[in-house]
Amino acid sequence: MTKLFLSLHVIAAVLAIGPVTVVASMFPKALRRAHAAPGDREAYAALRLLHRICRVYAGVGIAVPVFGFATASSLGVLGSAWLIVSILLTAAAAAVLVLLILPAQSRALATVPEAEPQGENAVHRAAGRLAMLTGVFNLLWATVTVLMIIRPGSTTGA
């Protein structure tokens, strides 16, 4: 059963977290492009699509810790320090995504001009802030991934 849980955990991470990291990273550039071309329906549609992908995959991403807990439980490592740190970092990444990135994307979508250009400084600040938050989110997930691979006490010898 452990191998099944571990397989599902890794597949969920690749299929759920991977797209969020890529799409959230694309959003700031798409936001700048949409503001640079007021009334461009394709640029606005692309921005809305990126936001929708982030929202949907954030929900699907719940499977990652669910299968992670199942795997850790079957391995008997729930009390391990590396796992506790990973859980805390995962919670932090989820908080950054749900409480900061997704709402900022929603606010940015609401400001996309339909006919008139908006203030460039405000757009660049919003895009820069989103890029920074996404970088923090990606760094947290990268750290969790490293902890999962190089975990202390590993029996794989890696």
Protein backbone atom coordinates (compact mmCIF):
# COMPACT_ATOMS: atom_id res chain seq x y z
CA MET A 1 0.00 0.00 0.00
CA THR A 2 2.92 2.36 0.72
CA LYS A 3 4.09 2.19 -2.89
CA LEU A 4 0.60 3.02 -4.12
CA PHE A 5 0.28 6.01 -1.76
CA LEU A 6 3.76 7.23 -2.67
CA SER A 7 3.02 6.89 -6.39
CA LEU A 8 -0.24 8.80 -6.02
CA HIS A 9 1.49 11.45 -3.91
CA VAL A 10 4.20 12.04 -6.53
CA ILE A 11 1.74 11.98 -9.44
CA ALA A 12 -0.52 14.46 -7.64
CA ALA A 13 2.45 16.74 -6.97
CA VAL A 14 3.59 16.66 -10.58
CA LEU A 15 0.12 17.08 -12.08
CA ALA A 16 -1.26 19.62 -9.60
CA ILE A 17 1.61 21.67 -8.24
CA GLY A 18 3.61 21.75 -11.47
CA PRO A 19 0.93 23.55 -13.48
CA VAL A 20 0.26 26.05 -10.69
CA THR A 21 3.94 26.98 -10.45
CA VAL A 22 4.21 27.47 -14.21
CA VAL A 23 0.90 29.27 -14.77
CA ALA A 24 1.23 31.52 -11.73
CA SER A 25 4.68 32.48 -13.00
CA MET A 26 3.20 33.37 -16.40
CA PHE A 27 0.46 35.57 -14.94
CA PRO A 28 2.51 38.75 -14.22
CA LYS A 29 3.81 38.95 -17.80
CA ALA A 30 0.32 38.30 -19.18
CA LEU A 31 -1.01 41.04 -16.87
CA ARG A 32 1.50 43.55 -18.25
CA ARG A 33 0.61 42.50 -21.81
CA ALA A 34 -3.14 42.86 -21.16
CA HIS A 35 -2.64 46.35 -19.70
CA ALA A 36 -0.40 47.35 -22.60
CA ALA A 37 -3.13 46.49 -25.10
CA PRO A 38 -6.40 47.93 -23.77
CA GLY A 39 -9.40 46.29 -25.33
CA ASP A 40 -7.41 43.27 -26.56
CA ARG A 41 -9.87 40.48 -25.86
CA GLU A 42 -7.29 37.74 -26.48
CA ALA A 43 -4.89 39.17 -23.89
CA TYR A 44 -7.72 39.44 -21.37
CA ALA A 45 -8.96 35.92 -22.18
CA ALA A 46 -5.44 34.55 -21.69
CA LEU A 47 -5.23 36.29 -18.31
CA ARG A 48 -8.59 34.86 -17.24
CA LEU A 49 -7.51 31.38 -18.38
CA LEU A 50 -4.28 31.56 -16.38
CA HIS A 51 -6.22 32.59 -13.28
CA ARG A 52 -8.77 29.81 -13.76
CA ILE A 53 -6.00 27.22 -14.15
CA CYS A 54 -4.40 28.45 -10.91
CA ARG A 55 -7.71 28.21 -9.05
CA VAL A 56 -8.61 24.76 -10.35
CA TYR A 57 -5.19 23.23 -9.81
CA ALA A 58 -4.97 24.79 -6.35
CA GLY A 59 -8.06 22.76 -5.50
CA VAL A 60 -6.67 19.62 -7.10
CA GLY A 61 -3.45 20.21 -5.17
CA ILE A 62 -5.20 19.15 -1.96
CA ALA A 63 -4.50 15.60 -3.11
CA VAL A 64 -0.76 16.13 -2.57
CA PRO A 65 -0.82 16.43 1.24
CA VAL A 66 -3.64 13.87 1.50
CA PHE A 67 -1.56 11.22 -0.25
CA GLY A 68 1.55 12.51 1.53
CA PHE A 69 -0.02 11.90 4.94
CA ALA A 70 -1.14 8.44 3.82
CA THR A 71 2.38 7.65 2.64
CA ALA A 72 4.03 9.01 5.80
CA SER A 73 1.60 7.10 7.98
CA SER A 74 2.25 3.83 6.18
CA LEU A 75 6.02 4.44 6.45
CA GLY A 76 5.72 5.30 10.15
CA VAL A 77 7.52 8.65 9.78
CA LEU A 78 4.77 11.06 10.85
CA GLY A 79 6.89 12.33 13.77
CA SER A 80 10.08 12.86 11.77
CA ALA A 81 11.52 16.36 11.86
CA TRP A 82 12.04 16.53 8.07
CA LEU A 83 8.39 15.61 7.53
CA ILE A 84 7.12 18.17 10.05
CA VAL A 85 9.21 20.87 8.35
CA SER A 86 7.83 19.73 4.98
CA ILE A 87 4.27 19.93 6.30
CA LEU A 88 4.87 23.45 7.63
CA LEU A 89 6.42 24.57 4.34
CA THR A 90 3.55 22.99 2.40
CA ALA A 91 1.05 24.85 4.60
CA ALA A 92 2.99 28.07 4.02
CA ALA A 93 2.97 27.51 0.24
CA ALA A 94 -0.76 26.81 0.30
CA ALA A 95 -1.35 29.98 2.34
CA VAL A 96 0.70 32.08 -0.09
CA LEU A 97 -1.30 30.67 -2.99
CA VAL A 98 -4.78 30.83 -1.48
CA LEU A 99 -4.47 33.97 0.62
CA LEU A 100 -2.12 36.10 -1.48
CA ILE A 101 -1.64 34.98 -5.09
CA LEU A 102 -5.19 34.01 -6.07
CA PRO A 103 -6.80 37.15 -4.55
CA ALA A 104 -4.12 39.35 -6.14
CA GLN A 105 -4.81 37.72 -9.50
CA SER A 106 -8.55 38.35 -9.04
CA ARG A 107 -7.92 42.00 -8.20
CA ALA A 108 -5.61 42.34 -11.18
CA LEU A 109 -8.23 40.85 -13.48
CA ALA A 110 -10.73 43.42 -12.27
CA THR A 111 -8.36 46.24 -13.23
CA VAL A 112 -7.63 45.11 -16.78
CA PRO A 113 -8.70 47.98 -18.97
CA GLU A 114 -11.33 47.45 -21.59
CA ALA A 115 -10.76 50.68 -23.45
CA GLU A 116 -8.38 53.00 -21.60
CA PRO A 117 -4.83 52.43 -20.39
CA GLN A 118 -4.42 52.37 -16.62
CA GLY A 119 -1.54 53.84 -14.66
CA GLU A 120 1.63 52.02 -15.65
CA ASN A 121 3.18 52.28 -12.18
CA ALA A 122 0.21 50.54 -10.56
CA VAL A 123 0.27 47.76 -13.15
CA HIS A 124 4.00 47.21 -12.80
CA ARG A 125 3.74 47.19 -9.00
CA ALA A 126 0.90 44.66 -9.09
CA ALA A 127 2.72 42.48 -11.61
CA GLY A 128 5.95 42.75 -9.64
CA ARG A 129 4.22 41.83 -6.40
CA LEU A 130 2.57 38.83 -8.07
CA ALA A 131 5.92 37.76 -9.51
CA MET A 132 7.51 38.01 -6.05
CA LEU A 133 4.71 36.04 -4.37
CA THR A 134 4.89 33.39 -7.07
CA GLY A 135 8.64 33.17 -6.56
CA VAL A 136 8.11 32.62 -2.83
CA PHE A 137 5.48 29.95 -3.59
CA ASN A 138 7.84 28.21 -6.03
CA LEU A 139 10.75 28.39 -3.60
CA LEU A 140 8.67 26.83 -0.83
CA TRP A 141 7.67 23.94 -3.10
CA ALA A 142 11.23 23.48 -4.30
CA THR A 143 12.38 23.26 -0.68
CA VAL A 144 9.69 20.68 0.11
CA THR A 145 10.76 18.67 -2.94
CA VAL A 146 14.40 18.71 -1.82
CA LEU A 147 13.38 17.60 1.68
CA MET A 148 11.36 14.75 0.20
CA ILE A 149 14.34 13.58 -1.86
CA ILE A 150 17.19 14.11 0.62
CA ARG A 151 15.20 13.41 3.77
CA PRO A 152 17.36 12.61 6.79
CA GLY A 153 17.41 8.97 7.74
CA SER A 154 16.54 7.88 4.22
CA THR A 155 16.83 4.18 3.62
CA THR A 156 17.41 4.67 -0.11
CA GLY A 157 21.02 5.75 0.38
CA ALA A 158 20.41 8.88 -1.70
